[in-house]
Amino acid sequence: MGDVVPFKKPKLSEKHKGKSLCRSGFHKWQVVKEKQFDVKRGKLVTVYRCSRCQAEKVTSH
């Protein structure tokens, strides 16, 4: 027989850690380097992604 692996449920505080700030509008924006040119608009853009909730915002130059 195989080994029994204990299943550990994450606590709610660990599951939702850092998301209350994002819900209040305090995102932690970081620049995404992969996408710098928008093909549909034909412009240079800066893509920001929140490191906590993975939300994205785009600004054009």
PDB file of N, CA and C in Angstrom:
ATOM      1  N   MET A   1       0.847  -1.185   0.000  1.00  0.00           N
ATOM      2  CA  MET A   1       0.000   0.000   0.000  1.00  0.00           C
ATOM      3  C   MET A   1       0.890   1.245   0.000  1.00  0.00           C
ATOM      4  N   GLY A   2       0.293   2.339  -0.410  1.00  0.00           N
ATOM      5  CA  GLY A   2       1.014   3.594  -0.456  1.00  0.00           C
ATOM      6  C   GLY A   2       0.950   4.335   0.865  1.00  0.00           C
ATOM      7  N   ASP A   3       1.690   5.396   0.921  1.00  0.00           N
ATOM      8  CA  ASP A   3       1.680   6.231   2.120  1.00  0.00           C
ATOM      9  C   ASP A   3       0.432   7.097   2.127  1.00  0.00           C
ATOM     10  N   VAL A   4      -0.073   7.356   3.322  1.00  0.00           N
ATOM     11  CA  VAL A   4      -1.240   8.223   3.481  1.00  0.00           C
ATOM     12  C   VAL A   4      -0.745   9.657   3.615  1.00  0.00           C
ATOM     13  N   VAL A   5      -1.222  10.525   2.732  1.00  0.00           N
ATOM     14  CA  VAL A   5      -0.827  11.924   2.742  1.00  0.00           C
ATOM     15  C   VAL A   5      -1.929  12.719   3.433  1.00  0.00           C
ATOM     16  N   PRO A   6      -1.599  13.416   4.521  1.00  0.00           N
ATOM     17  CA  PRO A   6      -2.636  14.200   5.199  1.00  0.00           C
ATOM     18  C   PRO A   6      -3.018  15.420   4.365  1.00  0.00           C
ATOM     19  N   PHE A   7      -4.310  15.690   4.264  1.00  0.00           N
ATOM     20  CA  PHE A   7      -4.820  16.834   3.515  1.00  0.00           C
ATOM     21  C   PHE A   7      -4.973  18.003   4.470  1.00  0.00           C
ATOM     22  N   LYS A   8      -4.301  19.103   4.167  1.00  0.00           N
ATOM     23  CA  LYS A   8      -4.355  20.283   5.019  1.00  0.00           C
ATOM     24  C   LYS A   8      -5.141  21.368   4.307  1.00  0.00           C
ATOM     25  N   LYS A   9      -6.260  21.767   4.878  1.00  0.00           N
ATOM     26  CA  LYS A   9      -7.051  22.863   4.315  1.00  0.00           C
ATOM     27  C   LYS A   9      -6.384  24.189   4.658  1.00  0.00           C
ATOM     28  N   PRO A  10      -6.298  25.105   3.697  1.00  0.00           N
ATOM     29  CA  PRO A  10      -5.744  26.415   4.036  1.00  0.00           C
ATOM     30  C   PRO A  10      -6.742  27.209   4.884  1.00  0.00           C
ATOM     31  N   LYS A  11      -6.204  27.934   5.852  1.00  0.00           N
ATOM     32  CA  LYS A  11      -7.067  28.781   6.672  1.00  0.00           C
ATOM     33  C   LYS A  11      -7.602  29.918   5.820  1.00  0.00           C
ATOM     34  N   LEU A  12      -8.739  30.451   6.201  1.00  0.00           N
ATOM     35  CA  LEU A  12      -9.328  31.551   5.435  1.00  0.00           C
ATOM     36  C   LEU A  12      -8.415  32.765   5.394  1.00  0.00           C
ATOM     37  N   SER A  13      -7.673  33.010   6.472  1.00  0.00           N
ATOM     38  CA  SER A  13      -6.774  34.162   6.476  1.00  0.00           C
ATOM     39  C   SER A  13      -5.643  33.976   5.463  1.00  0.00           C
ATOM     40  N   GLU A  14      -5.199  32.735   5.244  1.00  0.00           N
ATOM     41  CA  GLU A  14      -4.167  32.480   4.246  1.00  0.00           C
ATOM     42  C   GLU A  14      -4.738  32.531   2.834  1.00  0.00           C
ATOM     43  N   LYS A  15      -5.976  32.074   2.664  1.00  0.00           N
ATOM     44  CA  LYS A  15      -6.597  32.027   1.345  1.00  0.00           C
ATOM     45  C   LYS A  15      -6.860  33.425   0.789  1.00  0.00           C
ATOM     46  N   HIS A  16      -7.276  34.339   1.630  1.00  0.00           N
ATOM     47  CA  HIS A  16      -7.633  35.695   1.195  1.00  0.00           C
ATOM     48  C   HIS A  16      -6.587  36.732   1.602  1.00  0.00           C
ATOM     49  N   LYS A  17      -5.361  36.307   1.807  1.00  0.00           N
ATOM     50  CA  LYS A  17      -4.312  37.217   2.263  1.00  0.00           C
ATOM     51  C   LYS A  17      -3.989  38.264   1.198  1.00  0.00           C
ATOM     52  N   GLY A  18      -4.070  39.533   1.567  1.00  0.00           N
ATOM     53  CA  GLY A  18      -3.724  40.627   0.674  1.00  0.00           C
ATOM     54  C   GLY A  18      -4.835  41.087  -0.245  1.00  0.00           C
ATOM     55  N   LYS A  19      -5.964  40.406  -0.290  1.00  0.00           N
ATOM     56  CA  LYS A  19      -7.026  40.773  -1.217  1.00  0.00           C
ATOM     57  C   LYS A  19      -7.907  41.889  -0.674  1.00  0.00           C
ATOM     58  N   SER A  20      -7.902  42.116   0.638  1.00  0.00           N
ATOM     59  CA  SER A  20      -8.745  43.178   1.177  1.00  0.00           C
ATOM     60  C   SER A  20      -8.212  44.553   0.764  1.00  0.00           C
ATOM     61  N   LEU A  21      -6.909  44.676   0.607  1.00  0.00           N
ATOM     62  CA  LEU A  21      -6.344  45.937   0.140  1.00  0.00           C
ATOM     63  C   LEU A  21      -6.778  46.221  -1.299  1.00  0.00           C
ATOM     64  N   CYS A  22      -6.781  45.206  -2.136  1.00  0.00           N
ATOM     65  CA  CYS A  22      -7.160  45.381  -3.539  1.00  0.00           C
ATOM     66  C   CYS A  22      -8.647  45.727  -3.661  1.00  0.00           C
ATOM     67  N   ARG A  23      -9.478  45.136  -2.827  1.00  0.00           N
ATOM     68  CA  ARG A  23     -10.905  45.464  -2.871  1.00  0.00           C
ATOM     69  C   ARG A  23     -11.141  46.915  -2.482  1.00  0.00           C
ATOM     70  N   SER A  24     -10.264  47.471  -1.666  1.00  0.00           N
ATOM     71  CA  SER A  24     -10.392  48.868  -1.257  1.00  0.00           C
ATOM     72  C   SER A  24      -9.735  49.822  -2.241  1.00  0.00           C
ATOM     73  N   GLY A  25      -9.123  49.291  -3.304  1.00  0.00           N
ATOM     74  CA  GLY A  25      -8.523  50.148  -4.324  1.00  0.00           C
ATOM     75  C   GLY A  25      -7.035  50.368  -4.155  1.00  0.00           C
ATOM     76  N   PHE A  26      -6.396  49.661  -3.240  1.00  0.00           N
ATOM     77  CA  PHE A  26      -4.956  49.823  -2.994  1.00  0.00           C
ATOM     78  C   PHE A  26      -4.203  48.647  -3.611  1.00  0.00           C
ATOM     79  N   HIS A  27      -4.117  48.662  -4.961  1.00  0.00           N
ATOM     80  CA  HIS A  27      -3.412  47.603  -5.664  1.00  0.00           C
ATOM     81  C   HIS A  27      -1.911  47.813  -5.567  1.00  0.00           C
ATOM     82  N   LYS A  28      -1.164  46.757  -5.816  1.00  0.00           N
ATOM     83  CA  LYS A  28       0.297  46.823  -5.841  1.00  0.00           C
ATOM     84  C   LYS A  28       0.723  46.615  -7.287  1.00  0.00           C
ATOM     85  N   TRP A  29       0.748  47.721  -8.085  1.00  0.00           N
ATOM     86  CA  TRP A  29       0.970  47.636  -9.518  1.00  0.00           C
ATOM     87  C   TRP A  29       2.430  47.402  -9.823  1.00  0.00           C
ATOM     88  N   GLN A  30       2.684  46.493 -10.787  1.00  0.00           N
ATOM     89  CA  GLN A  30       4.024  46.244 -11.304  1.00  0.00           C
ATOM     90  C   GLN A  30       3.939  46.222 -12.828  1.00  0.00           C
ATOM     91  N   VAL A  31       4.978  46.710 -13.500  1.00  0.00           N
ATOM     92  CA  VAL A  31       4.989  46.798 -14.958  1.00  0.00           C
ATOM     93  C   VAL A  31       5.246  45.414 -15.538  1.00  0.00           C
ATOM     94  N   VAL A  32       4.455  45.053 -16.555  1.00  0.00           N
ATOM     95  CA  VAL A  32       4.631  43.786 -17.268  1.00  0.00           C
ATOM     96  C   VAL A  32       5.459  44.081 -18.507  1.00  0.00           C
ATOM     97  N   LYS A  33       6.582  43.425 -18.654  1.00  0.00           N
ATOM     98  CA  LYS A  33       7.514  43.714 -19.748  1.00  0.00           C
ATOM     99  C   LYS A  33       7.169  42.983 -21.041  1.00  0.00           C
ATOM    100  N   GLU A  34       6.356  41.908 -20.989  1.00  0.00           N
ATOM    101  CA  GLU A  34       6.101  41.115 -22.194  1.00  0.00           C
ATOM    102  C   GLU A  34       5.294  41.885 -23.236  1.00  0.00           C
ATOM    103  N   LYS A  35       4.291  42.641 -22.809  1.00  0.00           N
ATOM    104  CA  LYS A  35       3.416  43.346 -23.751  1.00  0.00           C
ATOM    105  C   LYS A  35       3.748  44.836 -23.722  1.00  0.00           C
ATOM    106  N   GLN A  36       4.368  45.323 -24.784  1.00  0.00           N
ATOM    107  CA  GLN A  36       4.678  46.744 -24.840  1.00  0.00           C
ATOM    108  C   GLN A  36       4.063  47.420 -26.060  1.00  0.00           C
ATOM    109  N   PHE A  37       3.471  46.639 -26.950  1.00  0.00           N
ATOM    110  CA  PHE A  37       2.892  47.209 -28.160  1.00  0.00           C
ATOM    111  C   PHE A  37       1.513  46.600 -28.372  1.00  0.00           C
ATOM    112  N   ASP A  38       0.496  47.449 -28.522  1.00  0.00           N
ATOM    113  CA  ASP A  38      -0.864  46.987 -28.775  1.00  0.00           C
ATOM    114  C   ASP A  38      -1.098  46.978 -30.280  1.00  0.00           C
ATOM    115  N   VAL A  39      -1.352  45.799 -30.828  1.00  0.00           N
ATOM    116  CA  VAL A  39      -1.502  45.655 -32.277  1.00  0.00           C
ATOM    117  C   VAL A  39      -2.784  46.308 -32.762  1.00  0.00           C
ATOM    118  N   LYS A  40      -3.868  46.177 -32.016  1.00  0.00           N
ATOM    119  CA  LYS A  40      -5.152  46.732 -32.458  1.00  0.00           C
ATOM    120  C   LYS A  40      -5.128  48.253 -32.485  1.00  0.00           C
ATOM    121  N   ARG A  41      -4.532  48.860 -31.478  1.00  0.00           N
ATOM    122  CA  ARG A  41      -4.458  50.326 -31.436  1.00  0.00           C
ATOM    123  C   ARG A  41      -3.297  50.856 -32.268  1.00  0.00           C
ATOM    124  N   GLY A  42      -2.250  50.052 -32.413  1.00  0.00           N
ATOM    125  CA  GLY A  42      -1.068  50.501 -33.129  1.00  0.00           C
ATOM    126  C   GLY A  42      -0.242  51.483 -32.324  1.00  0.00           C
ATOM    127  N   LYS A  43      -0.248  51.332 -31.018  1.00  0.00           N
ATOM    128  CA  LYS A  43       0.454  52.263 -30.133  1.00  0.00           C
ATOM    129  C   LYS A  43       1.292  51.510 -29.115  1.00  0.00           C
ATOM    130  N   LEU A  44       2.270  52.224 -28.577  1.00  0.00           N
ATOM    131  CA  LEU A  44       3.006  51.692 -27.444  1.00  0.00           C
ATOM    132  C   LEU A  44       2.140  51.810 -26.199  1.00  0.00           C
ATOM    133  N   VAL A  45       2.124  50.769 -25.399  1.00  0.00           N
ATOM    134  CA  VAL A  45       1.320  50.775 -24.181  1.00  0.00           C
ATOM    135  C   VAL A  45       2.167  50.266 -23.024  1.00  0.00           C
ATOM    136  N   THR A  46       1.748  50.617 -21.823  1.00  0.00           N
ATOM    137  CA  THR A  46       2.344  50.086 -20.614  1.00  0.00           C
ATOM    138  C   THR A  46       1.270  49.277 -19.904  1.00  0.00           C
ATOM    139  N   VAL A  47       1.566  48.019 -19.639  1.00  0.00           N
ATOM    140  CA  VAL A  47       0.625  47.130 -18.973  1.00  0.00           C
ATOM    141  C   VAL A  47       1.080  46.976 -17.530  1.00  0.00           C
ATOM    142  N   TYR A  48       0.171  47.240 -16.605  1.00  0.00           N
ATOM    143  CA  TYR A  48       0.435  47.074 -15.180  1.00  0.00           C
ATOM    144  C   TYR A  48      -0.383  45.901 -14.678  1.00  0.00           C
ATOM    145  N   ARG A  49       0.209  45.052 -13.814  1.00  0.00           N
ATOM    146  CA  ARG A  49      -0.491  43.920 -13.221  1.00  0.00           C
ATOM    147  C   ARG A  49      -0.294  43.979 -11.704  1.00  0.00           C
ATOM    148  N   CYS A  50      -1.385  43.805 -10.973  1.00  0.00           N
ATOM    149  CA  CYS A  50      -1.319  43.794  -9.514  1.00  0.00           C
ATOM    150  C   CYS A  50      -0.682  42.483  -9.079  1.00  0.00           C
ATOM    151  N   SER A  51       0.310  42.570  -8.204  1.00  0.00           N
ATOM    152  CA  SER A  51       1.010  41.364  -7.772  1.00  0.00           C
ATOM    153  C   SER A  51       0.185  40.551  -6.778  1.00  0.00           C
ATOM    154  N   ARG A  52      -0.858  41.148  -6.198  1.00  0.00           N
ATOM    155  CA  ARG A  52      -1.684  40.404  -5.235  1.00  0.00           C
ATOM    156  C   ARG A  52      -2.873  39.722  -5.888  1.00  0.00           C
ATOM    157  N   CYS A  53      -3.635  40.442  -6.739  1.00  0.00           N
ATOM    158  CA  CYS A  53      -4.884  39.882  -7.265  1.00  0.00           C
ATOM    159  C   CYS A  53      -4.843  39.646  -8.776  1.00  0.00           C
ATOM    160  N   GLN A  54      -3.740  39.941  -9.443  1.00  0.00           N
ATOM    161  CA  GLN A  54      -3.544  39.730 -10.875  1.00  0.00           C
ATOM    162  C   GLN A  54      -4.462  40.578 -11.754  1.00  0.00           C
ATOM    163  N   ALA A  55      -4.999  41.669 -11.242  1.00  0.00           N
ATOM    164  CA  ALA A  55      -5.788  42.593 -12.063  1.00  0.00           C
ATOM    165  C   ALA A  55      -4.833  43.358 -12.979  1.00  0.00           C
ATOM    166  N   GLU A  56      -5.318  43.765 -14.156  1.00  0.00           N
ATOM    167  CA  GLU A  56      -4.484  44.470 -15.115  1.00  0.00           C
ATOM    168  C   GLU A  56      -5.079  45.817 -15.474  1.00  0.00           C
ATOM    169  N   LYS A  57      -4.183  46.776 -15.748  1.00  0.00           N
ATOM    170  CA  LYS A  57      -4.611  48.059 -16.311  1.00  0.00           C
ATOM    171  C   LYS A  57      -3.605  48.443 -17.382  1.00  0.00           C
ATOM    172  N   VAL A  58      -4.104  49.156 -18.410  1.00  0.00           N
ATOM    173  CA  VAL A  58      -3.289  49.494 -19.562  1.00  0.00           C
ATOM    174  C   VAL A  58      -3.329  51.009 -19.746  1.00  0.00           C
ATOM    175  N   THR A  59      -2.147  51.593 -19.945  1.00  0.00           N
ATOM    176  CA  THR A  59      -2.078  53.020 -20.279  1.00  0.00           C
ATOM    177  C   THR A  59      -1.331  53.143 -21.594  1.00  0.00           C
ATOM    178  N   SER A  60      -1.802  54.045 -22.456  1.00  0.00           N
ATOM    179  CA  SER A  60      -1.133  54.254 -23.738  1.00  0.00           C
ATOM    180  C   SER A  60      -0.283  55.516 -23.657  1.00  0.00           C
ATOM    181  N   HIS A  61       0.699  55.585 -24.522  1.00  0.00           N
ATOM    182  CA  HIS A  61       1.623  56.727 -24.518  1.00  0.00           C
ATOM    183  C   HIS A  61       1.249  57.701 -25.584  1.00  0.00           C
TER     184      HIS A  61
END
